[in-house]
Amino acid sequence: MLAEKELVLISHLRQNARKNLTSISRETGMPVSTIFDKLRKYEGSLITKHTALLDFGKLGFEVKVHIAVKVPKGNREALREYLMKEPAINSVYRINNGYDFMIEAFFRNIKEVHDFVEGMEKFNVKNPEEYYVLEEIKKEAFLADPGMVKVVGS
């Protein structure tokens, strides 16, 4: 487990990955050189990807859906490969409780969702459960508040 100061550093990055090291140094009391060294150490292990959070609705992708699917064991790998290549898919998770995958995807409209789900029939997907996201209330907030590090880390 990381020390509290390291968790505070991570929370600053979660809050704003573009924040400059001088600002983080001032707010954390850590020297810039230490922050730089820690970031280099975390790259590729703790920090797996730098990305931007987008408002997909403003890009025309109004429908966000989570789809739970169950597929026969012999078709799992083929479905997994299909999902990895499908451009509308944002995330795919391996899950339990009677399902194999949870898919998070963005579409322009409900018909596109229907066409996508219908396209998975070739993998013998059984009873896909669709959950439409009506409103995002909290997103990417875990460890994004440096003031909450003590609460989370205890």
N, C-alpha and C. Protein backbone atom coordinates (compact mmCIF):
# COMPACT_ATOMS: atom_id res chain seq x y z
N MET A 1 0.85 -1.19 0.00
CA MET A 1 0.00 0.00 0.00
C MET A 1 0.88 1.24 0.00
N LEU A 2 0.39 2.28 -0.64
CA LEU A 2 1.14 3.53 -0.72
C LEU A 2 1.04 4.32 0.59
N ALA A 3 2.07 5.10 0.85
CA ALA A 3 2.07 5.99 2.01
C ALA A 3 1.04 7.10 1.76
N GLU A 4 0.63 7.74 2.84
CA GLU A 4 -0.40 8.78 2.73
C GLU A 4 0.01 9.90 1.77
N LYS A 5 1.27 10.34 1.82
CA LYS A 5 1.72 11.41 0.92
C LYS A 5 1.64 10.98 -0.55
N GLU A 6 1.92 9.71 -0.81
CA GLU A 6 1.83 9.22 -2.18
C GLU A 6 0.37 9.17 -2.64
N LEU A 7 -0.53 8.79 -1.74
CA LEU A 7 -1.96 8.79 -2.07
C LEU A 7 -2.45 10.21 -2.34
N VAL A 8 -1.94 11.17 -1.59
CA VAL A 8 -2.30 12.57 -1.83
C VAL A 8 -1.82 12.99 -3.23
N LEU A 9 -0.61 12.59 -3.59
CA LEU A 9 -0.09 12.89 -4.92
C LEU A 9 -0.99 12.28 -5.99
N ILE A 10 -1.34 11.03 -5.82
CA ILE A 10 -2.22 10.35 -6.78
C ILE A 10 -3.57 11.06 -6.87
N SER A 11 -4.10 11.50 -5.73
CA SER A 11 -5.41 12.17 -5.75
C SER A 11 -5.34 13.50 -6.51
N HIS A 12 -4.22 14.19 -6.42
CA HIS A 12 -4.06 15.42 -7.21
C HIS A 12 -4.08 15.10 -8.70
N LEU A 13 -3.45 14.01 -9.08
CA LEU A 13 -3.44 13.62 -10.49
C LEU A 13 -4.83 13.18 -10.94
N ARG A 14 -5.56 12.46 -10.07
CA ARG A 14 -6.92 12.04 -10.40
C ARG A 14 -7.82 13.26 -10.57
N GLN A 15 -7.57 14.28 -9.79
CA GLN A 15 -8.39 15.49 -9.85
C GLN A 15 -8.10 16.26 -11.14
N ASN A 16 -6.81 16.36 -11.52
CA ASN A 16 -6.43 17.08 -12.73
C ASN A 16 -5.04 16.61 -13.14
N ALA A 17 -4.99 15.69 -14.09
CA ALA A 17 -3.72 15.12 -14.53
C ALA A 17 -2.84 16.13 -15.26
N ARG A 18 -3.41 17.26 -15.63
CA ARG A 18 -2.63 18.28 -16.34
C ARG A 18 -2.06 19.34 -15.39
N LYS A 19 -2.33 19.20 -14.10
CA LYS A 19 -1.81 20.16 -13.12
C LYS A 19 -0.28 20.10 -13.15
N ASN A 20 0.36 21.27 -13.14
CA ASN A 20 1.83 21.24 -13.21
C ASN A 20 2.44 20.82 -11.87
N LEU A 21 3.64 20.30 -11.96
CA LEU A 21 4.32 19.75 -10.78
C LEU A 21 4.58 20.81 -9.72
N THR A 22 4.82 22.04 -10.13
CA THR A 22 5.06 23.12 -9.17
C THR A 22 3.82 23.35 -8.30
N SER A 23 2.65 23.35 -8.93
CA SER A 23 1.41 23.53 -8.16
C SER A 23 1.20 22.38 -7.19
N ILE A 24 1.42 21.15 -7.66
CA ILE A 24 1.27 19.99 -6.79
C ILE A 24 2.26 20.06 -5.64
N SER A 25 3.49 20.49 -5.93
CA SER A 25 4.52 20.62 -4.90
C SER A 25 4.09 21.62 -3.83
N ARG A 26 3.57 22.75 -4.28
CA ARG A 26 3.12 23.78 -3.35
C ARG A 26 1.98 23.26 -2.47
N GLU A 27 1.04 22.51 -3.06
CA GLU A 27 -0.13 22.04 -2.32
C GLU A 27 0.16 20.84 -1.42
N THR A 28 1.19 20.07 -1.76
CA THR A 28 1.49 18.86 -0.97
C THR A 28 2.69 19.02 -0.05
N GLY A 29 3.53 20.01 -0.32
CA GLY A 29 4.75 20.16 0.46
C GLY A 29 5.85 19.20 0.02
N MET A 30 5.65 18.50 -1.08
CA MET A 30 6.66 17.57 -1.61
C MET A 30 7.54 18.32 -2.62
N PRO A 31 8.84 18.05 -2.62
CA PRO A 31 9.70 18.68 -3.62
C PRO A 31 9.32 18.24 -5.04
N VAL A 32 9.48 19.14 -6.00
CA VAL A 32 9.15 18.85 -7.40
C VAL A 32 9.93 17.63 -7.88
N SER A 33 11.20 17.53 -7.50
CA SER A 33 12.03 16.40 -7.95
C SER A 33 11.47 15.07 -7.43
N THR A 34 10.97 15.06 -6.21
CA THR A 34 10.37 13.83 -5.64
C THR A 34 9.10 13.47 -6.41
N ILE A 35 8.28 14.46 -6.69
CA ILE A 35 7.05 14.22 -7.45
C ILE A 35 7.39 13.66 -8.82
N PHE A 36 8.35 14.27 -9.49
CA PHE A 36 8.76 13.81 -10.81
C PHE A 36 9.24 12.36 -10.76
N ASP A 37 10.09 12.03 -9.79
CA ASP A 37 10.61 10.67 -9.65
C ASP A 37 9.48 9.67 -9.38
N LYS A 38 8.55 10.05 -8.53
CA LYS A 38 7.42 9.15 -8.22
C LYS A 38 6.56 8.91 -9.45
N LEU A 39 6.31 9.96 -10.23
CA LEU A 39 5.50 9.81 -11.44
C LEU A 39 6.19 8.88 -12.43
N ARG A 40 7.48 9.00 -12.59
CA ARG A 40 8.22 8.09 -13.48
C ARG A 40 8.13 6.66 -12.98
N LYS A 41 8.18 6.49 -11.67
CA LYS A 41 8.09 5.16 -11.06
C LYS A 41 6.70 4.54 -11.28
N TYR A 42 5.66 5.38 -11.20
CA TYR A 42 4.28 4.91 -11.32
C TYR A 42 3.87 4.61 -12.76
N GLU A 43 4.54 5.25 -13.75
CA GLU A 43 4.18 5.06 -15.16
C GLU A 43 4.25 3.59 -15.54
N GLY A 44 3.17 3.09 -16.14
CA GLY A 44 3.14 1.72 -16.62
C GLY A 44 2.79 0.68 -15.58
N SER A 45 2.81 1.07 -14.31
CA SER A 45 2.43 0.12 -13.27
C SER A 45 1.18 0.64 -12.56
N LEU A 46 1.35 1.61 -11.69
CA LEU A 46 0.22 2.19 -10.97
C LEU A 46 -0.63 3.06 -11.90
N ILE A 47 0.02 3.89 -12.70
CA ILE A 47 -0.67 4.72 -13.68
C ILE A 47 -0.67 3.94 -14.98
N THR A 48 -1.84 3.46 -15.38
CA THR A 48 -1.92 2.62 -16.57
C THR A 48 -2.23 3.39 -17.84
N LYS A 49 -2.84 4.59 -17.70
CA LYS A 49 -3.22 5.33 -18.89
C LYS A 49 -3.58 6.77 -18.52
N HIS A 50 -3.13 7.71 -19.34
CA HIS A 50 -3.56 9.10 -19.22
C HIS A 50 -4.67 9.31 -20.24
N THR A 51 -5.76 9.91 -19.83
CA THR A 51 -6.89 10.04 -20.75
C THR A 51 -7.68 11.30 -20.43
N ALA A 52 -8.61 11.64 -21.29
CA ALA A 52 -9.52 12.77 -21.07
C ALA A 52 -10.93 12.22 -20.91
N LEU A 53 -11.68 12.78 -19.98
CA LEU A 53 -13.08 12.40 -19.81
C LEU A 53 -13.91 13.31 -20.71
N LEU A 54 -14.71 12.71 -21.57
CA LEU A 54 -15.47 13.47 -22.56
C LEU A 54 -16.96 13.45 -22.26
N ASP A 55 -17.64 14.46 -22.74
CA ASP A 55 -19.10 14.48 -22.72
C ASP A 55 -19.55 13.94 -24.07
N PHE A 56 -19.81 12.62 -24.13
CA PHE A 56 -20.12 11.98 -25.39
C PHE A 56 -21.45 12.47 -25.98
N GLY A 57 -22.37 12.91 -25.14
CA GLY A 57 -23.63 13.47 -25.62
C GLY A 57 -23.40 14.66 -26.52
N LYS A 58 -22.43 15.50 -26.18
CA LYS A 58 -22.13 16.68 -27.00
C LYS A 58 -21.46 16.30 -28.32
N LEU A 59 -20.99 15.05 -28.41
CA LEU A 59 -20.41 14.55 -29.66
C LEU A 59 -21.43 13.80 -30.49
N GLY A 60 -22.69 13.76 -30.01
CA GLY A 60 -23.75 13.09 -30.76
C GLY A 60 -24.07 11.69 -30.29
N PHE A 61 -23.36 11.20 -29.27
CA PHE A 61 -23.62 9.86 -28.74
C PHE A 61 -24.48 10.01 -27.49
N GLU A 62 -25.77 10.13 -27.73
CA GLU A 62 -26.74 10.45 -26.67
C GLU A 62 -27.07 9.27 -25.76
N VAL A 63 -26.85 8.04 -26.22
CA VAL A 63 -27.28 6.86 -25.47
C VAL A 63 -26.08 6.14 -24.87
N LYS A 64 -26.05 6.11 -23.55
CA LYS A 64 -25.04 5.33 -22.83
C LYS A 64 -25.77 4.14 -22.23
N VAL A 65 -25.24 2.95 -22.48
CA VAL A 65 -25.90 1.75 -22.02
C VAL A 65 -24.87 0.79 -21.43
N HIS A 66 -25.29 0.09 -20.39
CA HIS A 66 -24.53 -1.02 -19.84
C HIS A 66 -25.32 -2.28 -20.19
N ILE A 67 -24.64 -3.27 -20.72
CA ILE A 67 -25.31 -4.50 -21.15
C ILE A 67 -24.62 -5.68 -20.47
N ALA A 68 -25.38 -6.45 -19.70
CA ALA A 68 -24.87 -7.67 -19.08
C ALA A 68 -25.21 -8.82 -20.01
N VAL A 69 -24.20 -9.64 -20.34
CA VAL A 69 -24.43 -10.75 -21.25
C VAL A 69 -23.88 -12.06 -20.70
N LYS A 70 -24.59 -13.13 -21.03
CA LYS A 70 -24.16 -14.49 -20.73
C LYS A 70 -23.98 -15.18 -22.06
N VAL A 71 -22.89 -15.91 -22.18
CA VAL A 71 -22.58 -16.57 -23.44
C VAL A 71 -22.05 -17.97 -23.13
N PRO A 72 -22.36 -18.96 -23.97
CA PRO A 72 -21.83 -20.30 -23.74
C PRO A 72 -20.29 -20.28 -23.66
N LYS A 73 -19.74 -21.12 -22.84
CA LYS A 73 -18.30 -21.15 -22.57
C LYS A 73 -17.47 -21.19 -23.87
N GLY A 74 -17.92 -21.96 -24.84
CA GLY A 74 -17.19 -22.09 -26.09
C GLY A 74 -17.17 -20.84 -26.95
N ASN A 75 -18.04 -19.89 -26.66
CA ASN A 75 -18.13 -18.65 -27.44
C ASN A 75 -17.54 -17.44 -26.72
N ARG A 76 -17.12 -17.62 -25.48
CA ARG A 76 -16.64 -16.46 -24.68
C ARG A 76 -15.47 -15.74 -25.32
N GLU A 77 -14.47 -16.48 -25.75
CA GLU A 77 -13.28 -15.83 -26.30
C GLU A 77 -13.60 -15.10 -27.61
N ALA A 78 -14.43 -15.71 -28.44
CA ALA A 78 -14.81 -15.06 -29.71
C ALA A 78 -15.60 -13.77 -29.44
N LEU A 79 -16.52 -13.82 -28.46
CA LEU A 79 -17.27 -12.61 -28.12
C LEU A 79 -16.34 -11.56 -27.54
N ARG A 80 -15.42 -11.99 -26.70
CA ARG A 80 -14.45 -11.05 -26.11
C ARG A 80 -13.67 -10.33 -27.21
N GLU A 81 -13.18 -11.07 -28.18
CA GLU A 81 -12.42 -10.47 -29.29
C GLU A 81 -13.30 -9.51 -30.09
N TYR A 82 -14.53 -9.89 -30.33
CA TYR A 82 -15.48 -9.03 -31.05
C TYR A 82 -15.69 -7.72 -30.29
N LEU A 83 -15.91 -7.81 -28.98
CA LEU A 83 -16.15 -6.62 -28.17
C LEU A 83 -14.93 -5.70 -28.13
N MET A 84 -13.74 -6.28 -28.13
CA MET A 84 -12.51 -5.48 -28.10
C MET A 84 -12.34 -4.66 -29.37
N LYS A 85 -12.90 -5.13 -30.48
CA LYS A 85 -12.76 -4.44 -31.76
C LYS A 85 -13.93 -3.51 -32.08
N GLU A 86 -15.03 -3.65 -31.36
CA GLU A 86 -16.24 -2.87 -31.64
C GLU A 86 -16.04 -1.41 -31.22
N PRO A 87 -16.14 -0.45 -32.16
CA PRO A 87 -15.85 0.95 -31.83
C PRO A 87 -16.79 1.61 -30.83
N ALA A 88 -18.03 1.15 -30.71
CA ALA A 88 -18.98 1.78 -29.79
C ALA A 88 -18.73 1.40 -28.33
N ILE A 89 -17.90 0.40 -28.11
CA ILE A 89 -17.65 -0.10 -26.75
C ILE A 89 -16.62 0.77 -26.06
N ASN A 90 -16.98 1.26 -24.88
CA ASN A 90 -16.05 2.05 -24.08
C ASN A 90 -15.28 1.15 -23.12
N SER A 91 -15.97 0.24 -22.44
CA SER A 91 -15.34 -0.66 -21.47
C SER A 91 -16.03 -2.02 -21.50
N VAL A 92 -15.26 -3.04 -21.20
CA VAL A 92 -15.79 -4.40 -21.06
C VAL A 92 -15.22 -4.97 -19.77
N TYR A 93 -16.10 -5.56 -18.96
CA TYR A 93 -15.70 -6.14 -17.69
C TYR A 93 -16.11 -7.61 -17.65
N ARG A 94 -15.29 -8.46 -17.08
CA ARG A 94 -15.66 -9.85 -16.80
C ARG A 94 -16.37 -9.81 -15.46
N ILE A 95 -17.61 -10.36 -15.40
CA ILE A 95 -18.41 -10.27 -14.18
C ILE A 95 -18.91 -11.65 -13.76
N ASN A 96 -19.68 -11.68 -12.66
CA ASN A 96 -20.22 -12.94 -12.15
C ASN A 96 -21.73 -12.85 -11.99
N ASN A 97 -22.30 -13.65 -11.10
CA ASN A 97 -23.74 -13.69 -10.82
C ASN A 97 -24.58 -14.05 -12.04
N GLY A 98 -24.13 -15.07 -12.76
CA GLY A 98 -24.92 -15.56 -13.88
C GLY A 98 -24.62 -14.90 -15.21
N TYR A 99 -23.74 -13.92 -15.23
CA TYR A 99 -23.36 -13.26 -16.48
C TYR A 99 -21.87 -13.40 -16.69
N ASP A 100 -21.44 -13.16 -17.91
CA ASP A 100 -20.02 -13.27 -18.25
C ASP A 100 -19.35 -11.91 -18.43
N PHE A 101 -20.05 -10.99 -19.10
CA PHE A 101 -19.47 -9.68 -19.40
C PHE A 101 -20.46 -8.56 -19.09
N MET A 102 -19.90 -7.43 -18.67
CA MET A 102 -20.65 -6.18 -18.57
C MET A 102 -20.02 -5.24 -19.59
N ILE A 103 -20.83 -4.75 -20.49
CA ILE A 103 -20.37 -3.91 -21.58
C ILE A 103 -20.88 -2.49 -21.34
N GLU A 104 -20.00 -1.52 -21.45
CA GLU A 104 -20.40 -0.11 -21.42
C GLU A 104 -20.18 0.43 -22.82
N ALA A 105 -21.24 0.99 -23.41
CA ALA A 105 -21.14 1.45 -24.79
C ALA A 105 -21.90 2.76 -24.99
N PHE A 106 -21.53 3.46 -26.05
CA PHE A 106 -22.18 4.72 -26.42
C PHE A 106 -22.71 4.60 -27.84
N PHE A 107 -23.95 5.06 -28.03
CA PHE A 107 -24.59 5.00 -29.34
C PHE A 107 -25.31 6.32 -29.61
N ARG A 108 -25.59 6.56 -30.88
CA ARG A 108 -26.32 7.78 -31.25
C ARG A 108 -27.80 7.67 -30.90
N ASN A 109 -28.35 6.45 -31.00
CA ASN A 109 -29.78 6.28 -30.74
C ASN A 109 -30.07 4.84 -30.32
N ILE A 110 -31.30 4.58 -29.93
CA ILE A 110 -31.72 3.27 -29.45
C ILE A 110 -31.64 2.21 -30.56
N LYS A 111 -31.89 2.60 -31.79
CA LYS A 111 -31.81 1.64 -32.89
C LYS A 111 -30.40 1.08 -33.01
N GLU A 112 -29.38 1.91 -32.82
CA GLU A 112 -28.00 1.43 -32.86
C GLU A 112 -27.74 0.41 -31.75
N VAL A 113 -28.32 0.66 -30.58
CA VAL A 113 -28.19 -0.30 -29.47
C VAL A 113 -28.82 -1.63 -29.88
N HIS A 114 -30.03 -1.54 -30.41
CA HIS A 114 -30.75 -2.74 -30.84
C HIS A 114 -29.94 -3.51 -31.89
N ASP A 115 -29.39 -2.82 -32.87
CA ASP A 115 -28.59 -3.46 -33.91
C ASP A 115 -27.35 -4.13 -33.32
N PHE A 116 -26.71 -3.46 -32.36
CA PHE A 116 -25.53 -4.03 -31.72
C PHE A 116 -25.89 -5.32 -30.96
N VAL A 117 -26.95 -5.25 -30.15
CA VAL A 117 -27.37 -6.42 -29.38
C VAL A 117 -27.76 -7.56 -30.32
N GLU A 118 -28.45 -7.23 -31.39
CA GLU A 118 -28.83 -8.24 -32.38
C GLU A 118 -27.59 -8.87 -33.02
N GLY A 119 -26.56 -8.07 -33.23
CA GLY A 119 -25.32 -8.56 -33.82
C GLY A 119 -24.58 -9.55 -32.94
N MET A 120 -24.83 -9.49 -31.63
CA MET A 120 -24.18 -10.44 -30.72
C MET A 120 -24.86 -11.81 -30.73
N GLU A 121 -26.01 -11.92 -31.39
CA GLU A 121 -26.73 -13.20 -31.43
C GLU A 121 -25.89 -14.31 -32.04
N LYS A 122 -24.97 -13.95 -32.96
CA LYS A 122 -24.13 -14.97 -33.60
C LYS A 122 -23.19 -15.66 -32.61
N PHE A 123 -23.06 -15.09 -31.41
CA PHE A 123 -22.23 -15.70 -30.35
C PHE A 123 -23.08 -16.47 -29.35
N ASN A 124 -24.38 -16.62 -29.65
CA ASN A 124 -25.33 -17.32 -28.76
C ASN A 124 -25.49 -16.61 -27.42
N VAL A 125 -25.45 -15.29 -27.44
CA VAL A 125 -25.67 -14.51 -26.22
C VAL A 125 -27.10 -14.76 -25.77
N LYS A 126 -27.27 -15.07 -24.48
CA LYS A 126 -28.59 -15.38 -23.93
C LYS A 126 -29.08 -14.23 -23.05
N ASN A 127 -30.30 -13.79 -23.27
CA ASN A 127 -30.99 -12.79 -22.45
C ASN A 127 -30.11 -11.60 -22.05
N PRO A 128 -29.63 -10.83 -23.01
CA PRO A 128 -28.84 -9.65 -22.62
C PRO A 128 -29.71 -8.67 -21.82
N GLU A 129 -29.14 -8.15 -20.76
CA GLU A 129 -29.84 -7.18 -19.90
C GLU A 129 -29.28 -5.80 -20.20
N GLU A 130 -30.12 -4.90 -20.67
CA GLU A 130 -29.69 -3.54 -21.02
C GLU A 130 -30.09 -2.57 -19.91
N TYR A 131 -29.14 -1.75 -19.49
CA TYR A 131 -29.38 -0.73 -18.47
C TYR A 131 -28.94 0.61 -19.06
N TYR A 132 -29.91 1.46 -19.32
CA TYR A 132 -29.63 2.76 -19.92
C TYR A 132 -29.28 3.76 -18.82
N VAL A 133 -28.19 4.49 -19.02
CA VAL A 133 -27.76 5.50 -18.06
C VAL A 133 -28.52 6.78 -18.39
N LEU A 134 -29.36 7.22 -17.47
CA LEU A 134 -30.15 8.42 -17.68
C LEU A 134 -29.39 9.67 -17.27
N GLU A 135 -28.57 9.53 -16.22
CA GLU A 135 -27.83 10.69 -15.71
C GLU A 135 -26.61 10.19 -14.95
N GLU A 136 -25.47 10.79 -15.21
CA GLU A 136 -24.27 10.48 -14.43
C GLU A 136 -24.26 11.39 -13.22
N ILE A 137 -24.29 10.80 -12.06
CA ILE A 137 -24.35 11.57 -10.83
C ILE A 137 -22.96 11.77 -10.23
N LYS A 138 -22.13 10.74 -10.31
CA LYS A 138 -20.76 10.81 -9.81
C LYS A 138 -19.90 9.96 -10.74
N LYS A 139 -18.79 10.52 -11.19
CA LYS A 139 -17.96 9.80 -12.15
C LYS A 139 -16.49 10.06 -11.86
N GLU A 140 -15.72 9.00 -11.87
CA GLU A 140 -14.27 9.08 -11.70
C GLU A 140 -13.89 9.93 -10.50
N ALA A 141 -14.52 9.68 -9.37
CA ALA A 141 -14.27 10.49 -8.18
C ALA A 141 -13.41 9.78 -7.13
N PHE A 142 -13.24 8.46 -7.24
CA PHE A 142 -12.48 7.74 -6.23
C PHE A 142 -11.04 8.22 -6.22
N LEU A 143 -10.55 8.61 -5.06
CA LEU A 143 -9.20 9.15 -4.84
C LEU A 143 -8.93 10.43 -5.63
N ALA A 144 -9.96 11.21 -5.93
CA ALA A 144 -9.77 12.47 -6.65
C ALA A 144 -9.80 13.68 -5.72
N ASP A 145 -10.05 13.47 -4.45
CA ASP A 145 -10.09 14.56 -3.48
C ASP A 145 -8.97 14.34 -2.46
N PRO A 146 -7.89 15.15 -2.54
CA PRO A 146 -6.78 14.97 -1.62
C PRO A 146 -7.20 15.02 -0.15
N GLY A 147 -8.26 15.73 0.16
CA GLY A 147 -8.73 15.83 1.54
C GLY A 147 -9.36 14.55 2.06
N MET A 148 -9.72 13.64 1.16
CA MET A 148 -10.36 12.39 1.56
C MET A 148 -9.39 11.22 1.67
N VAL A 149 -8.11 11.45 1.40
CA VAL A 149 -7.13 10.36 1.41
C VAL A 149 -7.10 9.65 2.75
N LYS A 150 -7.14 10.39 3.85
CA LYS A 150 -7.10 9.75 5.18
C LYS A 150 -8.29 8.84 5.38
N VAL A 151 -9.46 9.27 4.90
CA VAL A 151 -10.69 8.48 5.06
C VAL A 151 -10.59 7.20 4.25
N VAL A 152 -10.15 7.31 2.99
CA VAL A 152 -10.07 6.15 2.11
C VAL A 152 -8.94 5.23 2.52
N GLY A 153 -7.82 5.80 2.92
CA GLY A 153 -6.63 5.00 3.24
C GLY A 153 -6.66 4.31 4.58
N SER A 154 -7.65 4.59 5.44
CA SER A 154 -7.63 3.99 6.78
C SER A 154 -8.29 2.64 6.81
